[in-house]
Amino acid sequence: MFKSIKENVSGEIVEKKSKFIANIFYVESVEEAEQKIKEISKKYFDSKHNCYAFSVYTENGIINRFSDNR
């Protein structure tokens, strides 16, 4: 059974003077996921670390990608 994102959500915590921001988006293609990653990178251009992960279900199987942006 697969689980899916029902709505786009953002959250934020501060730990030891560092701010951690999480964004969750529903996407239907790798291109859409990559576009969202670009938008977030542009929005938080001054961040030191921009991590992402996504899974997209296609007719050829599941495409998973992730990066810790180091």
Protein backbone atom coordinates (compact mmCIF):
# COMPACT_ATOMS: atom_id res chain seq x y z
CA MET A 1 0.00 0.00 0.00
CA PHE A 2 1.43 3.36 -1.04
CA LYS A 3 1.05 6.55 0.95
CA SER A 4 0.77 9.96 -0.69
CA ILE A 5 0.93 13.59 0.33
CA LYS A 6 -2.54 15.10 0.71
CA GLU A 7 -1.50 18.75 0.96
CA ASN A 8 1.57 20.96 0.74
CA VAL A 9 2.93 21.78 4.20
CA SER A 10 5.86 23.74 5.67
CA GLY A 11 7.34 23.54 9.15
CA GLU A 12 10.20 25.13 11.04
CA ILE A 13 12.19 24.48 14.23
CA VAL A 14 15.17 26.21 15.83
CA GLU A 15 17.83 24.10 17.53
CA LYS A 16 21.02 25.58 19.01
CA LYS A 17 20.63 28.81 17.00
CA SER A 18 20.15 26.89 13.74
CA LYS A 19 16.87 27.07 11.85
CA PHE A 20 15.57 23.94 10.13
CA ILE A 21 12.82 24.40 7.55
CA ALA A 22 10.89 21.51 6.02
CA ASN A 23 8.64 21.71 2.96
CA ILE A 24 6.45 18.90 1.68
CA PHE A 25 4.92 19.03 -1.79
CA TYR A 26 2.81 16.67 -3.85
CA VAL A 27 4.33 16.21 -7.32
CA GLU A 28 3.48 13.97 -10.24
CA SER A 29 6.75 13.98 -12.20
CA VAL A 30 10.51 14.22 -11.77
CA GLU A 31 10.43 17.54 -13.65
CA GLU A 32 7.87 18.95 -11.23
CA ALA A 33 9.94 17.77 -8.24
CA GLU A 34 13.09 19.36 -9.70
CA GLN A 35 11.18 22.61 -10.27
CA LYS A 36 10.03 22.67 -6.64
CA ILE A 37 13.63 22.06 -5.50
CA LYS A 38 14.79 25.03 -7.61
CA GLU A 39 12.03 27.24 -6.17
CA ILE A 40 12.95 26.33 -2.59
CA SER A 41 16.67 26.82 -3.28
CA LYS A 42 15.93 30.25 -4.70
CA LYS A 43 13.62 31.17 -1.81
CA TYR A 44 16.26 30.18 0.76
CA PHE A 45 19.27 31.27 -1.29
CA ASP A 46 21.24 32.17 1.84
CA SER A 47 20.91 28.73 3.45
CA LYS A 48 24.06 26.71 4.02
CA HIS A 49 22.43 23.36 3.47
CA ASN A 50 19.48 22.40 1.24
CA CYS A 51 18.54 18.72 1.46
CA TYR A 52 15.81 17.04 -0.55
CA ALA A 53 14.26 13.67 -1.26
CA PHE A 54 11.47 12.58 -3.56
CA SER A 55 9.76 9.52 -4.97
CA VAL A 56 7.76 9.61 -8.18
CA TYR A 57 5.67 6.69 -9.40
CA THR A 58 5.88 6.22 -13.18
CA GLU A 59 4.69 3.57 -15.61
CA ASN A 60 8.28 2.24 -15.58
CA GLY A 61 8.54 2.02 -11.79
CA ILE A 62 9.45 4.26 -8.90
CA ILE A 63 12.06 6.99 -9.28
CA ASN A 64 13.76 7.96 -6.00
CA ARG A 65 16.25 10.79 -5.66
CA PHE A 66 17.83 12.48 -2.67
CA SER A 67 20.71 14.78 -1.75
CA ASP A 68 22.13 16.15 1.47
CA ASN A 69 23.62 19.06 -0.55
CA ARG A 70 27.09 19.00 0.98
